[in-house]
């Protein structure tokens, strides 16, 4: 073999090895007997509530990577936030004079949906920012609860909705936390 061919082959293999070695490796998954969503629920510290939230979504319970799990959790969060916003818009029609309910339906839940969607969009490009967005989405539910309290509106269904969405934000935040090394 001609020396320049050997040198070219050596250079090519060195380049391939360097690129492969420097590429980010996926974070290790827990042992196969422990599902990823179970690890997230353990980290949330409210196991039963978290299991109850996530177990009814087969795509979440069967996720094989944290990226896949986060995508499914955020899609679920977007659906739940959109359903919550639609419910609030119906409540707003029955209570058109309530500024708090209007704020919840128009601003706060729009905030929830928008941030969950932005988090989903940033999962690969910037997982740390996706994590921040997932956690910040819960502020919409907290702000809605505060607006209702200021207007002295006590509604168990609205409080429950806000509490659930705040929890969904926490779960999404804990899940996205697994996408980047601590």
N, C-alpha and C. Protein backbone atom coordinates (compact mmCIF):
# COMPACT_ATOMS: atom_id res chain seq x y z
N UNK A 1 0.84 -1.17 0.00
CA UNK A 1 0.00 0.00 0.00
C UNK A 1 0.89 1.24 0.00
N UNK A 2 0.50 2.17 -0.69
CA UNK A 2 1.24 3.41 -0.84
C UNK A 2 1.14 4.21 0.48
N UNK A 3 2.21 4.86 0.91
CA UNK A 3 2.22 5.57 2.20
C UNK A 3 1.15 6.66 2.32
N UNK A 4 0.83 7.32 1.24
CA UNK A 4 -0.20 8.37 1.33
C UNK A 4 -1.58 7.76 1.57
N UNK A 5 -1.84 6.56 1.06
CA UNK A 5 -3.11 5.88 1.29
C UNK A 5 -3.22 5.48 2.76
N UNK A 6 -2.14 4.95 3.31
CA UNK A 6 -2.12 4.56 4.73
C UNK A 6 -2.34 5.79 5.60
N UNK A 7 -1.67 6.87 5.27
CA UNK A 7 -1.83 8.10 6.02
C UNK A 7 -3.26 8.63 5.94
N UNK A 8 -3.85 8.58 4.76
CA UNK A 8 -5.23 9.02 4.56
C UNK A 8 -6.20 8.16 5.37
N UNK A 9 -5.99 6.84 5.36
CA UNK A 9 -6.85 5.94 6.14
C UNK A 9 -6.71 6.23 7.63
N UNK A 10 -5.47 6.41 8.09
CA UNK A 10 -5.23 6.71 9.49
C UNK A 10 -5.93 8.01 9.88
N UNK A 11 -5.79 9.02 9.04
CA UNK A 11 -6.42 10.31 9.30
C UNK A 11 -7.95 10.17 9.35
N UNK A 12 -8.52 9.42 8.42
CA UNK A 12 -9.98 9.22 8.36
C UNK A 12 -10.48 8.54 9.63
N UNK A 13 -9.82 7.45 10.03
CA UNK A 13 -10.24 6.74 11.24
C UNK A 13 -10.06 7.61 12.48
N UNK A 14 -8.99 8.38 12.52
CA UNK A 14 -8.78 9.29 13.66
C UNK A 14 -9.89 10.33 13.74
N UNK A 15 -10.26 10.86 12.59
CA UNK A 15 -11.32 11.86 12.54
C UNK A 15 -12.66 11.26 12.99
N UNK A 16 -12.97 10.08 12.48
CA UNK A 16 -14.22 9.41 12.87
C UNK A 16 -14.23 9.15 14.37
N UNK A 17 -13.13 8.64 14.91
CA UNK A 17 -13.05 8.36 16.33
C UNK A 17 -13.20 9.64 17.15
N UNK A 18 -12.55 10.72 16.73
CA UNK A 18 -12.63 11.99 17.45
C UNK A 18 -14.05 12.53 17.47
N UNK A 19 -14.72 12.49 16.33
CA UNK A 19 -16.10 12.98 16.26
C UNK A 19 -17.00 12.11 17.14
N UNK A 20 -16.83 10.80 17.06
CA UNK A 20 -17.66 9.89 17.85
C UNK A 20 -17.41 10.09 19.34
N UNK A 21 -16.14 10.20 19.73
CA UNK A 21 -15.80 10.33 21.14
C UNK A 21 -16.27 11.66 21.72
N UNK A 22 -16.30 12.71 20.90
CA UNK A 22 -16.68 14.02 21.43
C UNK A 22 -18.18 14.29 21.33
N UNK A 23 -18.93 13.41 20.67
CA UNK A 23 -20.38 13.64 20.57
C UNK A 23 -21.01 13.36 21.92
N UNK A 24 -22.06 14.16 22.27
CA UNK A 24 -22.68 13.95 23.56
C UNK A 24 -23.37 12.59 23.60
N UNK A 25 -23.11 11.89 24.67
CA UNK A 25 -23.76 10.58 24.81
C UNK A 25 -25.04 10.76 25.60
N UNK A 26 -26.04 9.95 25.31
CA UNK A 26 -27.28 10.08 26.06
C UNK A 26 -27.06 9.74 27.52
N UNK A 27 -27.83 10.38 28.37
CA UNK A 27 -27.71 10.10 29.79
C UNK A 27 -28.15 8.67 30.05
N UNK A 28 -27.50 7.99 30.98
CA UNK A 28 -27.86 6.61 31.24
C UNK A 28 -29.30 6.50 31.75
N UNK A 29 -29.95 5.46 31.32
CA UNK A 29 -31.31 5.20 31.78
C UNK A 29 -31.23 4.31 33.00
N UNK A 30 -32.27 4.36 33.83
CA UNK A 30 -32.27 3.46 34.97
C UNK A 30 -32.34 2.02 34.50
N UNK A 31 -32.18 1.09 35.42
CA UNK A 31 -32.21 -0.32 35.06
C UNK A 31 -33.51 -0.65 34.33
N UNK A 32 -33.47 -1.66 33.46
CA UNK A 32 -34.64 -1.98 32.64
C UNK A 32 -35.90 -2.29 33.45
N UNK A 33 -35.75 -2.76 34.67
CA UNK A 33 -36.94 -3.09 35.46
C UNK A 33 -37.66 -1.83 35.96
N UNK A 34 -36.95 -0.72 36.03
CA UNK A 34 -37.55 0.54 36.46
C UNK A 34 -37.83 1.37 35.20
N UNK A 35 -39.08 1.73 35.02
CA UNK A 35 -39.44 2.53 33.84
C UNK A 35 -39.07 3.98 34.09
N UNK A 36 -38.82 4.70 33.02
CA UNK A 36 -38.38 6.09 33.13
C UNK A 36 -39.40 6.95 33.85
N UNK A 37 -40.69 6.77 33.56
CA UNK A 37 -41.70 7.60 34.21
C UNK A 37 -41.71 7.35 35.71
N UNK A 38 -41.37 6.12 36.14
CA UNK A 38 -41.32 5.81 37.57
C UNK A 38 -40.17 6.58 38.25
N UNK A 39 -39.07 6.71 37.54
CA UNK A 39 -37.94 7.47 38.07
C UNK A 39 -38.33 8.94 38.22
N UNK A 40 -39.03 9.47 37.23
CA UNK A 40 -39.49 10.87 37.30
C UNK A 40 -40.44 11.03 38.49
N UNK A 41 -41.38 10.12 38.64
CA UNK A 41 -42.34 10.22 39.76
C UNK A 41 -41.61 10.14 41.10
N UNK A 42 -40.59 9.30 41.19
CA UNK A 42 -39.81 9.20 42.43
C UNK A 42 -39.14 10.54 42.72
N UNK A 43 -38.63 11.19 41.67
CA UNK A 43 -37.97 12.48 41.83
C UNK A 43 -38.96 13.60 42.18
N UNK A 44 -40.20 13.46 41.74
CA UNK A 44 -41.23 14.47 42.03
C UNK A 44 -41.59 14.44 43.51
N UNK A 45 -41.44 13.30 44.14
CA UNK A 45 -41.71 13.09 45.57
C UNK A 45 -43.20 12.90 45.89
N UNK A 46 -44.04 12.92 44.91
CA UNK A 46 -45.46 12.62 45.12
C UNK A 46 -45.80 11.44 44.22
N UNK A 47 -45.25 10.28 44.58
CA UNK A 47 -45.35 9.09 43.72
C UNK A 47 -46.76 8.77 43.28
N UNK A 48 -47.67 8.62 44.24
CA UNK A 48 -49.03 8.19 43.89
C UNK A 48 -49.70 9.17 42.95
N UNK A 49 -49.58 10.43 43.26
CA UNK A 49 -50.22 11.45 42.41
C UNK A 49 -49.60 11.46 41.01
N UNK A 50 -48.30 11.33 40.96
CA UNK A 50 -47.59 11.31 39.68
C UNK A 50 -47.96 10.06 38.88
N UNK A 51 -47.97 8.90 39.54
CA UNK A 51 -48.37 7.66 38.86
C UNK A 51 -49.78 7.78 38.31
N UNK A 52 -50.67 8.32 39.12
CA UNK A 52 -52.06 8.46 38.69
C UNK A 52 -52.15 9.36 37.45
N UNK A 53 -51.35 10.41 37.42
CA UNK A 53 -51.34 11.33 36.28
C UNK A 53 -50.80 10.66 35.02
N UNK A 54 -49.70 9.93 35.14
CA UNK A 54 -48.99 9.44 33.97
C UNK A 54 -49.38 8.03 33.50
N UNK A 55 -49.85 7.19 34.41
CA UNK A 55 -50.10 5.79 34.06
C UNK A 55 -51.19 5.59 33.00
N UNK A 56 -52.05 6.55 32.83
CA UNK A 56 -53.12 6.38 31.84
C UNK A 56 -52.66 6.73 30.42
N UNK A 57 -51.40 7.03 30.26
CA UNK A 57 -50.84 7.35 28.94
C UNK A 57 -49.80 6.29 28.56
N UNK A 58 -50.20 5.30 27.76
CA UNK A 58 -49.28 4.21 27.42
C UNK A 58 -47.98 4.68 26.77
N UNK A 59 -48.06 5.75 25.99
CA UNK A 59 -46.83 6.25 25.35
C UNK A 59 -45.85 6.77 26.40
N UNK A 60 -46.37 7.31 27.49
CA UNK A 60 -45.50 7.81 28.57
C UNK A 60 -44.90 6.63 29.33
N UNK A 61 -45.72 5.67 29.68
CA UNK A 61 -45.24 4.54 30.48
C UNK A 61 -44.29 3.62 29.71
N UNK A 62 -44.33 3.68 28.39
CA UNK A 62 -43.45 2.82 27.61
C UNK A 62 -42.28 3.57 26.97
N UNK A 63 -42.10 4.83 27.32
CA UNK A 63 -41.00 5.62 26.75
C UNK A 63 -39.66 4.96 27.06
N UNK A 64 -38.79 4.95 26.07
CA UNK A 64 -37.50 4.27 26.23
C UNK A 64 -36.32 5.22 26.36
N UNK A 65 -36.57 6.51 26.26
CA UNK A 65 -35.50 7.49 26.49
C UNK A 65 -36.13 8.69 27.18
N UNK A 66 -35.30 9.46 27.87
CA UNK A 66 -35.84 10.64 28.54
C UNK A 66 -36.36 11.67 27.53
N UNK A 67 -35.72 11.75 26.38
CA UNK A 67 -36.19 12.68 25.36
C UNK A 67 -37.60 12.29 24.91
N UNK A 68 -37.80 11.02 24.65
CA UNK A 68 -39.13 10.52 24.25
C UNK A 68 -40.15 10.76 25.38
N UNK A 69 -39.75 10.46 26.60
CA UNK A 69 -40.63 10.66 27.75
C UNK A 69 -41.04 12.13 27.87
N UNK A 70 -40.08 13.03 27.74
CA UNK A 70 -40.37 14.46 27.85
C UNK A 70 -41.31 14.92 26.74
N UNK A 71 -41.09 14.43 25.54
CA UNK A 71 -41.99 14.80 24.44
C UNK A 71 -43.43 14.40 24.78
N UNK A 72 -43.61 13.18 25.25
CA UNK A 72 -44.96 12.71 25.55
C UNK A 72 -45.58 13.46 26.74
N UNK A 73 -44.78 13.73 27.75
CA UNK A 73 -45.29 14.46 28.91
C UNK A 73 -45.69 15.88 28.49
N UNK A 74 -44.86 16.53 27.70
CA UNK A 74 -45.19 17.90 27.27
C UNK A 74 -46.40 17.93 26.34
N UNK A 75 -46.55 16.93 25.49
CA UNK A 75 -47.75 16.87 24.65
C UNK A 75 -48.99 16.68 25.51
N UNK A 76 -48.88 15.84 26.53
CA UNK A 76 -49.99 15.66 27.47
C UNK A 76 -50.28 16.98 28.20
N UNK A 77 -49.23 17.68 28.60
CA UNK A 77 -49.38 18.96 29.31
C UNK A 77 -50.08 19.99 28.41
N UNK A 78 -49.71 20.03 27.15
CA UNK A 78 -50.35 20.96 26.21
C UNK A 78 -51.83 20.63 26.07
N UNK A 79 -52.14 19.34 25.94
CA UNK A 79 -53.56 18.93 25.83
C UNK A 79 -54.34 19.34 27.08
N UNK A 80 -53.77 19.05 28.24
CA UNK A 80 -54.47 19.37 29.50
C UNK A 80 -54.63 20.88 29.67
N UNK A 81 -53.61 21.64 29.34
CA UNK A 81 -53.69 23.10 29.47
C UNK A 81 -54.71 23.67 28.49
N UNK A 82 -54.76 23.13 27.29
CA UNK A 82 -55.74 23.58 26.29
C UNK A 82 -57.15 23.24 26.74
N UNK A 83 -57.35 22.03 27.27
CA UNK A 83 -58.66 21.65 27.79
C UNK A 83 -59.06 22.56 28.95
N UNK A 84 -58.09 22.86 29.82
CA UNK A 84 -58.34 23.77 30.94
C UNK A 84 -58.72 25.16 30.46
N UNK A 85 -58.02 25.63 29.45
CA UNK A 85 -58.32 26.96 28.90
C UNK A 85 -59.72 26.97 28.28
N UNK A 86 -60.08 25.92 27.57
CA UNK A 86 -61.43 25.84 26.98
C UNK A 86 -62.50 25.83 28.07
N UNK A 87 -62.24 25.10 29.15
CA UNK A 87 -63.17 25.07 30.27
C UNK A 87 -63.32 26.48 30.87
N UNK A 88 -62.20 27.16 31.06
CA UNK A 88 -62.23 28.51 31.62
C UNK A 88 -62.97 29.49 30.70
N UNK A 89 -62.85 29.30 29.42
CA UNK A 89 -63.58 30.17 28.48
C UNK A 89 -65.08 29.95 28.60
N UNK A 90 -65.49 28.72 28.87
CA UNK A 90 -66.92 28.44 29.11
C UNK A 90 -67.38 29.09 30.41
N UNK A 91 -66.56 29.01 31.44
CA UNK A 91 -66.88 29.65 32.73
C UNK A 91 -66.94 31.16 32.54
N UNK A 92 -66.05 31.70 31.72
CA UNK A 92 -66.02 33.14 31.45
C UNK A 92 -67.32 33.60 30.78
N UNK A 93 -67.88 32.78 29.90
CA UNK A 93 -69.14 33.14 29.24
C UNK A 93 -70.27 33.25 30.25
N UNK A 94 -70.22 32.43 31.30
CA UNK A 94 -71.26 32.46 32.33
C UNK A 94 -71.02 33.57 33.35
N UNK A 95 -69.79 34.07 33.41
CA UNK A 95 -69.41 35.12 34.36
C UNK A 95 -68.66 36.23 33.63
N UNK A 96 -69.31 36.92 32.69
CA UNK A 96 -68.60 37.90 31.86
C UNK A 96 -68.04 39.10 32.63
N UNK A 97 -68.56 39.36 33.82
CA UNK A 97 -68.08 40.52 34.57
C UNK A 97 -66.84 40.21 35.42
N UNK A 98 -66.45 38.95 35.50
CA UNK A 98 -65.30 38.57 36.32
C UNK A 98 -63.99 38.81 35.57
N UNK A 99 -63.23 39.76 36.08
CA UNK A 99 -61.92 40.04 35.48
C UNK A 99 -60.94 38.90 35.77
N UNK A 100 -61.08 38.28 36.93
CA UNK A 100 -60.18 37.19 37.30
C UNK A 100 -60.35 36.00 36.37
N UNK A 101 -61.58 35.62 36.12
CA UNK A 101 -61.82 34.47 35.23
C UNK A 101 -61.36 34.80 33.82
N UNK A 102 -61.58 36.04 33.40
CA UNK A 102 -61.10 36.45 32.08
C UNK A 102 -59.58 36.37 32.02
N UNK A 103 -58.92 36.85 33.08
CA UNK A 103 -57.45 36.79 33.12
C UNK A 103 -56.98 35.34 33.04
N UNK A 104 -57.65 34.46 33.79
CA UNK A 104 -57.28 33.04 33.77
C UNK A 104 -57.43 32.45 32.37
N UNK A 105 -58.59 32.68 31.77
CA UNK A 105 -58.90 32.06 30.48
C UNK A 105 -58.07 32.62 29.34
N UNK A 106 -57.86 33.92 29.36
CA UNK A 106 -57.20 34.56 28.22
C UNK A 106 -55.69 34.66 28.41
N UNK A 107 -55.25 35.07 29.59
CA UNK A 107 -53.82 35.30 29.79
C UNK A 107 -53.09 34.11 30.41
N UNK A 108 -53.55 33.70 31.59
CA UNK A 108 -52.80 32.71 32.37
C UNK A 108 -52.72 31.35 31.68
N UNK A 109 -53.83 30.88 31.13
CA UNK A 109 -53.80 29.58 30.48
C UNK A 109 -53.18 29.66 29.08
N UNK A 110 -53.21 30.82 28.48
CA UNK A 110 -52.48 31.02 27.24
C UNK A 110 -50.98 30.90 27.54
N UNK A 111 -50.57 31.45 28.67
CA UNK A 111 -49.19 31.36 29.16
C UNK A 111 -48.79 29.88 29.33
N UNK A 112 -49.67 29.11 29.97
CA UNK A 112 -49.40 27.68 30.16
C UNK A 112 -49.18 26.97 28.83
N UNK A 113 -50.12 27.11 27.93
CA UNK A 113 -50.04 26.42 26.64
C UNK A 113 -48.79 26.86 25.88
N UNK A 114 -48.55 28.16 25.83
CA UNK A 114 -47.41 28.70 25.08
C UNK A 114 -46.08 28.19 25.63
N UNK A 115 -45.93 28.18 26.96
CA UNK A 115 -44.65 27.74 27.53
C UNK A 115 -44.45 26.24 27.40
N UNK A 116 -45.51 25.45 27.55
CA UNK A 116 -45.36 24.01 27.33
C UNK A 116 -44.96 23.74 25.87
N UNK A 117 -45.57 24.46 24.94
CA UNK A 117 -45.24 24.29 23.52
C UNK A 117 -43.79 24.71 23.25
N UNK A 118 -43.38 25.83 23.83
CA UNK A 118 -42.00 26.30 23.65
C UNK A 118 -41.01 25.30 24.25
N UNK A 119 -41.35 24.73 25.40
CA UNK A 119 -40.50 23.73 26.02
C UNK A 119 -40.35 22.51 25.10
N UNK A 120 -41.46 22.06 24.55
CA UNK A 120 -41.43 20.93 23.62
C UNK A 120 -40.54 21.25 22.42
N UNK A 121 -40.64 22.46 21.91
CA UNK A 121 -39.84 22.86 20.74
C UNK A 121 -38.35 22.95 21.05
N UNK A 122 -37.99 23.21 22.31
CA UNK A 122 -36.58 23.40 22.68
C UNK A 122 -35.92 22.16 23.28
N UNK A 123 -36.62 21.04 23.36
CA UNK A 123 -36.07 19.85 24.03
C UNK A 123 -34.70 19.45 23.51
N UNK A 124 -34.53 19.44 22.21
CA UNK A 124 -33.26 18.99 21.63
C UNK A 124 -32.26 20.13 21.55
N UNK A 125 -32.71 21.27 21.09
CA UNK A 125 -31.81 22.41 20.86
C UNK A 125 -31.23 22.95 22.17
N UNK A 126 -32.07 23.07 23.20
CA UNK A 126 -31.61 23.65 24.46
C UNK A 126 -32.39 23.03 25.63
N UNK A 127 -31.99 21.83 26.06
CA UNK A 127 -32.73 21.13 27.10
C UNK A 127 -32.83 21.91 28.42
N UNK A 128 -31.80 22.68 28.73
CA UNK A 128 -31.83 23.44 29.97
C UNK A 128 -32.91 24.53 29.91
N UNK A 129 -33.03 25.18 28.77
CA UNK A 129 -34.07 26.19 28.60
C UNK A 129 -35.45 25.53 28.54
N UNK A 130 -35.53 24.37 27.91
CA UNK A 130 -36.80 23.61 27.88
C UNK A 130 -37.24 23.29 29.30
N UNK A 131 -36.29 22.95 30.15
CA UNK A 131 -36.59 22.67 31.55
C UNK A 131 -37.14 23.92 32.25
N UNK A 132 -36.48 25.04 32.03
CA UNK A 132 -36.93 26.30 32.62
C UNK A 132 -38.36 26.63 32.17
N UNK A 133 -38.63 26.47 30.88
CA UNK A 133 -39.96 26.78 30.34
C UNK A 133 -41.03 25.86 30.93
N UNK A 134 -40.71 24.58 31.05
CA UNK A 134 -41.67 23.62 31.62
C UNK A 134 -42.01 24.00 33.05
N UNK A 135 -41.01 24.39 33.82
CA UNK A 135 -41.25 24.78 35.22
C UNK A 135 -42.00 26.12 35.29
N UNK A 136 -41.62 27.06 34.43
CA UNK A 136 -42.25 28.39 34.45
C UNK A 136 -43.70 28.34 34.00
N UNK A 137 -44.07 27.34 33.23
CA UNK A 137 -45.46 27.23 32.77
C UNK A 137 -46.43 27.19 33.94
N UNK A 138 -46.02 26.58 35.03
CA UNK A 138 -46.88 26.48 36.21
C UNK A 138 -47.25 27.83 36.79
N UNK A 139 -46.48 28.87 36.48
CA UNK A 139 -46.81 30.21 36.96
C UNK A 139 -48.19 30.65 36.48
N UNK A 140 -48.59 30.18 35.30
CA UNK A 140 -49.92 30.53 34.78
C UNK A 140 -51.02 30.06 35.72
N UNK A 141 -50.90 28.84 36.22
CA UNK A 141 -51.90 28.30 37.15
C UNK A 141 -51.85 29.03 38.49
N UNK A 142 -50.65 29.33 38.96
CA UNK A 142 -50.50 30.06 40.23
C UNK A 142 -51.10 31.46 40.09
N UNK A 143 -50.81 32.14 38.98
CA UNK A 143 -51.36 33.48 38.75
C UNK A 143 -52.88 33.45 38.67
N UNK A 144 -53.42 32.42 38.05
CA UNK A 144 -54.88 32.27 37.97
C UNK A 144 -55.47 32.12 39.37
N UNK A 145 -54.87 31.27 40.19
CA UNK A 145 -55.35 31.10 41.57
C UNK A 145 -55.30 32.42 42.33
N UNK A 146 -54.22 33.18 42.15
CA UNK A 146 -54.08 34.47 42.83
C UNK A 146 -55.15 35.46 42.37
N UNK A 147 -55.41 35.49 41.07
CA UNK A 147 -56.45 36.39 40.54
C UNK A 147 -57.82 36.02 41.10
N UNK A 148 -58.10 34.73 41.16
CA UNK A 148 -59.38 34.28 41.72
C UNK A 148 -59.49 34.66 43.19
N UNK A 149 -58.41 34.51 43.94
CA UNK A 149 -58.41 34.85 45.37
C UNK A 149 -58.62 36.35 45.57
N UNK A 150 -57.98 37.17 44.74
CA UNK A 150 -58.15 38.62 44.86
C UNK A 150 -59.59 39.05 44.62
N UNK A 151 -60.26 38.34 43.74
CA UNK A 151 -61.66 38.65 43.45
C UNK A 151 -62.61 37.88 44.37
N UNK A 152 -62.01 37.17 45.33
CA UNK A 152 -62.75 36.38 46.32
C UNK A 152 -63.68 35.34 45.66
N UNK A 153 -63.18 34.72 44.61
CA UNK A 153 -63.92 33.65 43.93
C UNK A 153 -63.42 32.33 44.50
N UNK A 154 -64.32 31.59 45.10
CA UNK A 154 -63.96 30.26 45.59
C UNK A 154 -64.69 29.23 44.74
N UNK A 155 -63.93 28.50 44.00
CA UNK A 155 -64.49 27.47 43.12
C UNK A 155 -63.60 26.24 43.21
N UNK A 156 -64.11 25.18 43.84
CA UNK A 156 -63.30 23.96 43.94
C UNK A 156 -62.84 23.43 42.58
N UNK A 157 -63.69 23.55 41.55
CA UNK A 157 -63.29 23.03 40.24
C UNK A 157 -62.14 23.85 39.64
N UNK A 158 -62.17 25.18 39.82
CA UNK A 158 -61.09 26.01 39.29
C UNK A 158 -59.81 25.82 40.11
N UNK A 159 -59.96 25.71 41.42
CA UNK A 159 -58.78 25.46 42.27
C UNK A 159 -58.14 24.12 41.92
N UNK A 160 -58.98 23.11 41.70
CA UNK A 160 -58.48 21.79 41.34
C UNK A 160 -57.77 21.82 39.99
N UNK A 161 -58.34 22.53 39.04
CA UNK A 161 -57.73 22.67 37.72
C UNK A 161 -56.36 23.33 37.83
N UNK A 162 -56.29 24.43 38.57
CA UNK A 162 -55.02 25.15 38.73
C UNK A 162 -53.99 24.29 39.45
N UNK A 163 -54.43 23.59 40.48
CA UNK A 163 -53.53 22.71 41.24
C UNK A 163 -52.98 21.62 40.32
N UNK A 164 -53.86 21.03 39.52
CA UNK A 164 -53.43 19.97 38.59
C UNK A 164 -52.43 20.50 37.57
N UNK A 165 -52.68 21.69 37.02
CA UNK A 165 -51.78 22.23 36.00
C UNK A 165 -50.43 22.63 36.61
N UNK A 166 -50.45 23.10 37.84
CA UNK A 166 -49.19 23.41 38.52
C UNK A 166 -48.39 22.12 38.72
N UNK A 167 -49.08 21.04 39.08
CA UNK A 167 -48.42 19.75 39.26
C UNK A 167 -47.89 19.20 37.93
N UNK A 168 -48.66 19.33 36.88
CA UNK A 168 -48.21 18.89 35.55
C UNK A 168 -46.92 19.64 35.17
N UNK A 169 -46.87 20.92 35.48
CA UNK A 169 -45.68 21.71 35.21
C UNK A 169 -44.48 21.18 36.00
N UNK A 170 -44.71 20.83 37.25
CA UNK A 170 -43.65 20.26 38.08
C UNK A 170 -43.14 18.95 37.48
N UNK A 171 -44.06 18.07 37.11
CA UNK A 171 -43.68 16.78 36.52
C UNK A 171 -42.89 16.99 35.23
N UNK A 172 -43.36 17.89 34.38
CA UNK A 172 -42.65 18.19 33.13
C UNK A 172 -41.26 18.76 33.42
N UNK A 173 -41.17 19.60 34.44
CA UNK A 173 -39.87 20.16 34.81
C UNK A 173 -38.91 19.11 35.32
N UNK A 174 -39.40 18.22 36.16
CA UNK A 174 -38.55 17.14 36.69
C UNK A 174 -38.12 16.21 35.56
N UNK A 175 -39.04 15.92 34.65
CA UNK A 175 -38.69 15.04 33.51
C UNK A 175 -37.62 15.69 32.64
N UNK A 176 -37.79 16.97 32.31
CA UNK A 176 -36.81 17.64 31.44
C UNK A 176 -35.47 17.84 32.14
N UNK A 177 -35.49 17.80 33.45
CA UNK A 177 -34.25 17.89 34.22
C UNK A 177 -33.32 16.71 33.91
N UNK A 178 -33.89 15.60 33.47
CA UNK A 178 -33.10 14.41 33.14
C UNK A 178 -32.41 14.51 31.77
N UNK A 179 -32.66 15.58 31.03
CA UNK A 179 -32.10 15.69 29.68
C UNK A 179 -30.68 16.25 29.66
N UNK A 180 -30.23 16.80 30.75
CA UNK A 180 -28.88 17.36 30.76
C UNK A 180 -28.20 16.97 32.05
N UNK A 181 -26.88 16.82 31.99
CA UNK A 181 -26.14 16.40 33.19
C UNK A 181 -26.22 17.46 34.27
N UNK A 182 -26.32 17.02 35.50
CA UNK A 182 -26.41 17.96 36.64
C UNK A 182 -25.09 18.61 36.91
